[in-house]
Structure formats: C-alpha cells, structure tokens
PDB file of N, CA and C in Angstrom:
ATOM      1  N   MET A   1      51.681 149.805  33.668  1.00  0.00           N
ATOM      2  CA  MET A   1      50.796 150.744  33.019  1.00  0.00           C
ATOM      3  C   MET A   1      50.937 152.095  33.716  1.00  0.00           C
ATOM      4  N   ILE A   2      51.062 153.124  32.962  1.00  0.00           N
ATOM      5  CA  ILE A   2      51.150 154.483  33.492  1.00  0.00           C
ATOM      6  C   ILE A   2      49.855 155.199  33.166  1.00  0.00           C
ATOM      7  N   LYS A   3      49.257 155.817  34.166  1.00  0.00           N
ATOM      8  CA  LYS A   3      47.985 156.522  34.007  1.00  0.00           C
ATOM      9  C   LYS A   3      48.157 157.961  34.464  1.00  0.00           C
ATOM     10  N   ASN A   4      47.333 158.842  33.942  1.00  0.00           N
ATOM     11  CA  ASN A   4      47.283 160.228  34.381  1.00  0.00           C
ATOM     12  C   ASN A   4      46.006 160.455  35.179  1.00  0.00           C
ATOM     13  N   LEU A   5      46.070 161.368  36.137  1.00  0.00           N
ATOM     14  CA  LEU A   5      44.877 161.759  36.867  1.00  0.00           C
ATOM     15  C   LEU A   5      44.007 162.627  35.961  1.00  0.00           C
ATOM     16  N   VAL A   6      42.695 162.513  36.136  1.00  0.00           N
ATOM     17  CA  VAL A   6      41.762 163.339  35.372  1.00  0.00           C
ATOM     18  C   VAL A   6      40.899 164.120  36.344  1.00  0.00           C
ATOM     19  N   LYS A   7      40.547 165.332  35.978  1.00  0.00           N
ATOM     20  CA  LYS A   7      39.718 166.186  36.816  1.00  0.00           C
ATOM     21  C   LYS A   7      38.298 165.644  36.823  1.00  0.00           C
ATOM     22  N   HIS A   8      37.708 165.521  38.035  1.00  0.00           N
ATOM     23  CA  HIS A   8      36.337 165.034  38.192  1.00  0.00           C
ATOM     24  C   HIS A   8      35.662 165.926  39.227  1.00  0.00           C
ATOM     25  N   GLY A   9      34.979 166.972  38.781  1.00  0.00           N
ATOM     26  CA  GLY A   9      34.403 167.952  39.708  1.00  0.00           C
ATOM     27  C   GLY A   9      35.518 168.687  40.420  1.00  0.00           C
ATOM     28  N   ASN A  10      35.481 168.676  41.760  1.00  0.00           N
ATOM     29  CA  ASN A  10      36.530 169.311  42.558  1.00  0.00           C
ATOM     30  C   ASN A  10      37.621 168.324  42.955  1.00  0.00           C
ATOM     31  N   SER A  11      37.559 167.110  42.431  1.00  0.00           N
ATOM     32  CA  SER A  11      38.503 166.060  42.801  1.00  0.00           C
ATOM     33  C   SER A  11      39.291 165.601  41.587  1.00  0.00           C
ATOM     34  N   TRP A  12      40.210 164.677  41.838  1.00  0.00           N
ATOM     35  CA  TRP A  12      40.983 164.049  40.778  1.00  0.00           C
ATOM     36  C   TRP A  12      40.677 162.565  40.798  1.00  0.00           C
ATOM     37  N   ALA A  13      40.666 161.941  39.631  1.00  0.00           N
ATOM     38  CA  ALA A  13      40.288 160.532  39.530  1.00  0.00           C
ATOM     39  C   ALA A  13      41.286 159.770  38.674  1.00  0.00           C
ATOM     40  N   ILE A  14      41.289 158.460  38.882  1.00  0.00           N
ATOM     41  CA  ILE A  14      42.058 157.552  38.039  1.00  0.00           C
ATOM     42  C   ILE A  14      41.049 156.702  37.284  1.00  0.00           C
ATOM     43  N   VAL A  15      41.157 156.657  35.987  1.00  0.00           N
ATOM     44  CA  VAL A  15      40.273 155.825  35.184  1.00  0.00           C
ATOM     45  C   VAL A  15      40.900 154.436  35.084  1.00  0.00           C
ATOM     46  N   ILE A  16      40.131 153.424  35.504  1.00  0.00           N
ATOM     47  CA  ILE A  16      40.621 152.044  35.458  1.00  0.00           C
ATOM     48  C   ILE A  16      40.023 151.376  34.231  1.00  0.00           C
ATOM     49  N   ASP A  17      40.877 150.870  33.365  1.00  0.00           N
ATOM     50  CA  ASP A  17      40.425 150.275  32.114  1.00  0.00           C
ATOM     51  C   ASP A  17      39.626 148.993  32.354  1.00  0.00           C
ATOM     52  N   ARG A  18      38.679 148.717  31.463  1.00  0.00           N
ATOM     53  CA  ARG A  18      37.794 147.564  31.567  1.00  0.00           C
ATOM     54  C   ARG A  18      38.553 146.240  31.742  1.00  0.00           C
ATOM     55  N   PRO A  19      39.644 145.961  30.999  1.00  0.00           N
ATOM     56  CA  PRO A  19      40.338 144.682  31.208  1.00  0.00           C
ATOM     57  C   PRO A  19      40.840 144.479  32.645  1.00  0.00           C
ATOM     58  N   ILE A  20      41.260 145.560  33.285  1.00  0.00           N
ATOM     59  CA  ILE A  20      41.719 145.448  34.665  1.00  0.00           C
ATOM     60  C   ILE A  20      40.539 145.189  35.588  1.00  0.00           C
ATOM     61  N   LEU A  21      39.429 145.895  35.361  1.00  0.00           N
ATOM     62  CA  LEU A  21      38.217 145.658  36.160  1.00  0.00           C
ATOM     63  C   LEU A  21      37.740 144.222  36.009  1.00  0.00           C
ATOM     64  N   ASP A  22      37.770 143.718  34.779  1.00  0.00           N
ATOM     65  CA  ASP A  22      37.350 142.339  34.534  1.00  0.00           C
ATOM     66  C   ASP A  22      38.286 141.344  35.222  1.00  0.00           C
ATOM     67  N   LEU A  23      39.571 141.593  35.160  1.00  0.00           N
ATOM     68  CA  LEU A  23      40.548 140.718  35.792  1.00  0.00           C
ATOM     69  C   LEU A  23      40.332 140.626  37.302  1.00  0.00           C
ATOM     70  N   LEU A  24      40.022 141.766  37.923  1.00  0.00           N
ATOM     71  CA  LEU A  24      39.808 141.814  39.369  1.00  0.00           C
ATOM     72  C   LEU A  24      38.365 141.531  39.769  1.00  0.00           C
ATOM     73  N   LYS A  25      37.504 141.303  38.768  1.00  0.00           N
ATOM     74  CA  LYS A  25      36.074 141.049  38.999  1.00  0.00           C
ATOM     75  C   LYS A  25      35.440 142.197  39.782  1.00  0.00           C
ATOM     76  N   ILE A  26      35.720 143.415  39.309  1.00  0.00           N
ATOM     77  CA  ILE A  26      35.151 144.614  39.917  1.00  0.00           C
ATOM     78  C   ILE A  26      34.106 145.177  38.960  1.00  0.00           C
ATOM     79  N   ALA A  27      32.872 145.286  39.439  1.00  0.00           N
ATOM     80  CA  ALA A  27      31.790 145.907  38.673  1.00  0.00           C
ATOM     81  C   ALA A  27      31.696 147.374  39.099  1.00  0.00           C
ATOM     82  N   PRO A  28      31.077 148.213  38.276  1.00  0.00           N
ATOM     83  CA  PRO A  28      30.977 149.629  38.649  1.00  0.00           C
ATOM     84  C   PRO A  28      30.325 149.864  40.015  1.00  0.00           C
ATOM     85  N   GLU A  29      29.411 148.967  40.424  1.00  0.00           N
ATOM     86  CA  GLU A  29      28.746 149.144  41.712  1.00  0.00           C
ATOM     87  C   GLU A  29      29.485 148.454  42.861  1.00  0.00           C
ATOM     88  N   SER A  30      30.599 147.795  42.574  1.00  0.00           N
ATOM     89  CA  SER A  30      31.374 147.102  43.609  1.00  0.00           C
ATOM     90  C   SER A  30      32.030 148.090  44.554  1.00  0.00           C
ATOM     91  N   GLN A  31      32.176 147.659  45.801  1.00  0.00           N
ATOM     92  CA  GLN A  31      32.948 148.449  46.743  1.00  0.00           C
ATOM     93  C   GLN A  31      34.404 148.055  46.601  1.00  0.00           C
ATOM     94  N   ILE A  32      35.271 149.056  46.716  1.00  0.00           N
ATOM     95  CA  ILE A  32      36.708 148.788  46.670  1.00  0.00           C
ATOM     96  C   ILE A  32      37.338 149.349  47.932  1.00  0.00           C
ATOM     97  N   GLU A  33      38.477 148.798  48.280  1.00  0.00           N
ATOM     98  CA  GLU A  33      39.213 149.249  49.453  1.00  0.00           C
ATOM     99  C   GLU A  33      40.512 149.895  48.982  1.00  0.00           C
ATOM    100  N   LEU A  34      40.772 151.091  49.465  1.00  0.00           N
ATOM    101  CA  LEU A  34      42.015 151.789  49.170  1.00  0.00           C
ATOM    102  C   LEU A  34      42.878 151.766  50.419  1.00  0.00           C
ATOM    103  N   THR A  35      44.112 151.325  50.280  1.00  0.00           N
ATOM    104  CA  THR A  35      45.059 151.354  51.387  1.00  0.00           C
ATOM    105  C   THR A  35      46.343 152.001  50.897  1.00  0.00           C
ATOM    106  N   THR A  36      47.094 152.536  51.825  1.00  0.00           N
ATOM    107  CA  THR A  36      48.354 153.174  51.449  1.00  0.00           C
ATOM    108  C   THR A  36      49.397 152.938  52.535  1.00  0.00           C
ATOM    109  N   ASP A  37      50.637 152.936  52.107  1.00  0.00           N
ATOM    110  CA  ASP A  37      51.749 152.863  53.048  1.00  0.00           C
ATOM    111  C   ASP A  37      52.468 154.213  53.108  1.00  0.00           C
ATOM    112  N   GLY A  38      51.859 155.234  52.518  1.00  0.00           N
ATOM    113  CA  GLY A  38      52.455 156.559  52.490  1.00  0.00           C
ATOM    114  C   GLY A  38      53.234 156.834  51.213  1.00  0.00           C
ATOM    115  N   LYS A  39      53.517 155.780  50.437  1.00  0.00           N
ATOM    116  CA  LYS A  39      54.261 155.929  49.188  1.00  0.00           C
ATOM    117  C   LYS A  39      53.489 155.399  47.991  1.00  0.00           C
ATOM    118  N   SER A  40      52.592 154.466  48.234  1.00  0.00           N
ATOM    119  CA  SER A  40      51.835 153.872  47.135  1.00  0.00           C
ATOM    120  C   SER A  40      50.394 153.623  47.577  1.00  0.00           C
ATOM    121  N   ILE A  41      49.511 153.433  46.602  1.00  0.00           N
ATOM    122  CA  ILE A  41      48.103 153.161  46.853  1.00  0.00           C
ATOM    123  C   ILE A  41      47.796 151.765  46.347  1.00  0.00           C
ATOM    124  N   ARG A  42      47.073 151.003  47.139  1.00  0.00           N
ATOM    125  CA  ARG A  42      46.621 149.670  46.737  1.00  0.00           C
ATOM    126  C   ARG A  42      45.106 149.720  46.618  1.00  0.00           C
ATOM    127  N   ILE A  43      44.579 149.257  45.491  1.00  0.00           N
ATOM    128  CA  ILE A  43      43.142 149.207  45.243  1.00  0.00           C
ATOM    129  C   ILE A  43      42.749 147.741  45.154  1.00  0.00           C
ATOM    130  N   ALA A  44      41.769 147.322  45.957  1.00  0.00           N
ATOM    131  CA  ALA A  44      41.349 145.922  45.957  1.00  0.00           C
ATOM    132  C   ALA A  44      39.835 145.854  46.146  1.00  0.00           C
ATOM    133  N   PRO A  45      39.196 144.879  45.504  1.00  0.00           N
ATOM    134  CA  PRO A  45      37.761 144.708  45.740  1.00  0.00           C
ATOM    135  C   PRO A  45      37.532 144.259  47.179  1.00  0.00           C
ATOM    136  N   VAL A  46      36.418 144.702  47.767  1.00  0.00           N
ATOM    137  CA  VAL A  46      36.063 144.284  49.116  1.00  0.00           C
ATOM    138  C   VAL A  46      35.494 142.875  49.016  1.00  0.00           C
ATOM    139  N   ASP A  47      36.065 141.969  49.793  1.00  0.00           N
ATOM    140  CA  ASP A  47      35.594 140.590  49.815  1.00  0.00           C
ATOM    141  C   ASP A  47      34.295 140.531  50.601  1.00  0.00           C
ATOM    142  N   ALA A  48      33.248 139.934  50.023  1.00  0.00           N
ATOM    143  CA  ALA A  48      31.939 139.871  50.665  1.00  0.00           C
ATOM    144  C   ALA A  48      32.021 139.177  52.017  1.00  0.00           C
ATOM    145  N   ASP A  49      32.836 138.125  52.137  1.00  0.00           N
ATOM    146  CA  ASP A  49      32.960 137.418  53.410  1.00  0.00           C
ATOM    147  C   ASP A  49      33.609 138.296  54.468  1.00  0.00           C
ATOM    148  N   ASP A  50      34.629 139.077  54.075  1.00  0.00           N
ATOM    149  CA  ASP A  50      35.266 139.992  55.016  1.00  0.00           C
ATOM    150  C   ASP A  50      34.282 141.060  55.471  1.00  0.00           C
ATOM    151  N   LYS A  51      33.461 141.531  54.548  1.00  0.00           N
ATOM    152  CA  LYS A  51      32.473 142.558  54.863  1.00  0.00           C
ATOM    153  C   LYS A  51      31.456 142.012  55.863  1.00  0.00           C
ATOM    154  N   LYS A  52      30.961 140.794  55.610  1.00  0.00           N
ATOM    155  CA  LYS A  52      29.990 140.187  56.521  1.00  0.00           C
ATOM    156  C   LYS A  52      30.610 139.965  57.895  1.00  0.00           C
ATOM    157  N   SER A  53      31.852 139.528  57.910  1.00  0.00           N
ATOM    158  CA  SER A  53      32.545 139.284  59.167  1.00  0.00           C
ATOM    159  C   SER A  53      32.707 140.580  59.960  1.00  0.00           C
ATOM    160  N   SER A  54      33.071 141.655  59.293  1.00  0.00           N
ATOM    161  CA  SER A  54      33.259 142.922  60.001  1.00  0.00           C
ATOM    162  C   SER A  54      31.925 143.465  60.505  1.00  0.00           C
ATOM    163  N   ILE A  55      30.846 143.231  59.760  1.00  0.00           N
ATOM    164  CA  ILE A  55      29.521 143.663  60.210  1.00  0.00           C
ATOM    165  C   ILE A  55      29.105 142.866  61.445  1.00  0.00           C
ATOM    166  N   ARG A  56      29.326 141.556  61.416  1.00  0.00           N
ATOM    167  CA  ARG A  56      28.997 140.722  62.579  1.00  0.00           C
ATOM    168  C   ARG A  56      29.787 141.159  63.812  1.00  0.00           C
ATOM    169  N   SER A  57      31.052 141.441  63.611  1.00  0.00           N
ATOM    170  CA  SER A  57      31.906 141.866  64.712  1.00  0.00           C
ATOM    171  C   SER A  57      31.421 143.193  65.291  1.00  0.00           C
ATOM    172  N   ALA A  58      31.105 144.141  64.428  1.00  0.00           N
ATOM    173  CA  ALA A  58      30.619 145.445  64.886  1.00  0.00           C
ATOM    174  C   ALA A  58      29.285 145.301  65.608  1.00  0.00           C
ATOM    175  N   ARG A  59      28.398 144.455  65.066  1.00  0.00           N
ATOM    176  CA  ARG A  59      27.100 144.233  65.699  1.00  0.00           C
ATOM    177  C   ARG A  59      27.266 143.627  67.093  1.00  0.00           C
ATOM    178  N   ALA A  60      28.144 142.651  67.230  1.00  0.00           N
ATOM    179  CA  ALA A  60      28.383 142.022  68.533  1.00  0.00           C
ATOM    180  C   ALA A  60      28.944 143.031  69.528  1.00  0.00           C
ATOM    181  N   LYS A  61      29.843 143.868  69.083  1.00  0.00           N
ATOM    182  CA  LYS A  61      30.451 144.879  69.958  1.00  0.00           C
ATOM    183  C   LYS A  61      29.395 145.875  70.440  1.00  0.00           C
ATOM    184  N   ILE A  62      28.553 146.332  69.519  1.00  0.00           N
ATOM    185  CA  ILE A  62      27.505 147.290  69.870  1.00  0.00           C
ATOM    186  C   ILE A  62      26.483 146.650  70.803  1.00  0.00           C
ATOM    187  N   ASN A  63      26.095 145.412  70.495  1.00  0.00           N
ATOM    188  CA  ASN A  63      25.117 144.724  71.340  1.00  0.00           C
ATOM    189  C   ASN A  63      25.646 144.531  72.757  1.00  0.00           C
ATOM    190  N   SER A  64      26.912 144.160  72.892  1.00  0.00           N
ATOM    191  CA  SER A  64      27.454 143.946  74.242  1.00  0.00           C
ATOM    192  C   SER A  64      27.597 145.266  74.998  1.00  0.00           C
ATOM    193  N   LYS A  65      27.949 146.310  74.304  1.00  0.00           N
ATOM    194  CA  LYS A  65      28.154 147.607  74.958  1.00  0.00           C
ATOM    195  C   LYS A  65      26.835 148.256  75.372  1.00  0.00           C
ATOM    196  N   HIS A  66      25.788 148.063  74.574  1.00  0.00           N
ATOM    197  CA  HIS A  66      24.515 148.756  74.806  1.00  0.00           C
ATOM    198  C   HIS A  66      23.364 147.804  75.099  1.00  0.00           C
ATOM    199  N   SER A  67      23.655 146.611  75.591  1.00  0.00           N
ATOM    200  CA  SER A  67      22.590 145.606  75.791  1.00  0.00           C
ATOM    201  C   SER A  67      21.515 146.087  76.753  1.00  0.00           C
ATOM    202  N   GLN A  68      21.901 146.762  77.821  1.00  0.00           N
ATOM    203  CA  GLN A  68      20.906 147.258  78.776  1.00  0.00           C
ATOM    204  C   GLN A  68      19.969 148.284  78.133  1.00  0.00           C
ATOM    205  N   ALA A  69      20.530 149.180  77.360  1.00  0.00           N
ATOM    206  CA  ALA A  69      19.705 150.193  76.684  1.00  0.00           C
ATOM    207  C   ALA A  69      18.763 149.538  75.687  1.00  0.00           C
ATOM    208  N   PHE A  70      19.233 148.535  74.969  1.00  0.00           N
ATOM    209  CA  PHE A  70      18.381 147.833  74.012  1.00  0.00           C
ATOM    210  C   PHE A  70      17.238 147.119  74.725  1.00  0.00           C
ATOM    211  N   LYS A  71      17.528 146.529  75.894  1.00  0.00           N
ATOM    212  CA  LYS A  71      16.480 145.837  76.660  1.00  0.00           C
ATOM    213  C   LYS A  71      15.428 146.821  77.119  1.00  0.00           C
ATOM    214  N   LYS A  72      15.838 147.998  77.584  1.00  0.00           N
ATOM    215  CA  LYS A  72      14.884 149.014  78.027  1.00  0.00           C
ATOM    216  C   LYS A  72      14.038 149.516  76.857  1.00  0.00           C
ATOM    217  N   LEU A  73      14.670 149.686  75.713  1.00  0.00           N
ATOM    218  CA  LEU A  73      13.916 150.141  74.529  1.00  0.00           C
ATOM    219  C   LEU A  73      12.906 149.098  74.075  1.00  0.00           C
ATOM    220  N   ALA A  74      13.209 147.823  74.291  1.00  0.00           N
ATOM    221  CA  ALA A  74      12.324 146.753  73.855  1.00  0.00           C
ATOM    222  C   ALA A  74      11.107 146.600  74.760  1.00  0.00           C
ATOM    223  N   GLU A  75      11.151 147.154  75.982  1.00  0.00           N
ATOM    224  CA  GLU A  75      10.033 147.034  76.935  1.00  0.00           C
ATOM    225  C   GLU A  75       8.857 147.879  76.552  1.00  0.00           C
TER     226      GLU A  75
END
C-alpha cells in the first residue's frame, strides 16, 4: 500500500485505514510504538504486558536509587 503524508497543523501525518487498524487491533486511544532503522519506520501497538513490565522495572530502579529519601519522606 502506498500512502501520502497529509498536513496536520505544523506536522505531517499518515492516515492509517480502518482495516489495518482492525487487523493490528489498534483503537484510536491505543498507544503505538514507532521505531526506525534510519531507512524505514515500524509502527506497532504497545503490548500491555511489556508496558507493565517496563513500569515495574522503572519503579524498582527508582525505589532502589532513592530508598533513603523515600524513607525520610515517610517519617
């Protein structure tokens, strides 16, 4: 499928047709991940499990780094 960019405010956008959104199970409110290798763009829905895992990882990192400060704030 060949698509053209469309002007959207000060930016450019790609309109994704409903059949493709349905195939990928992407709703308008879904988060998507854009990645590139410098030559192409990959668009993929964010997996809820991956999102939860990354949040847990970030929370653990922050808690370990700032545990003393959190303990003082809790006093």
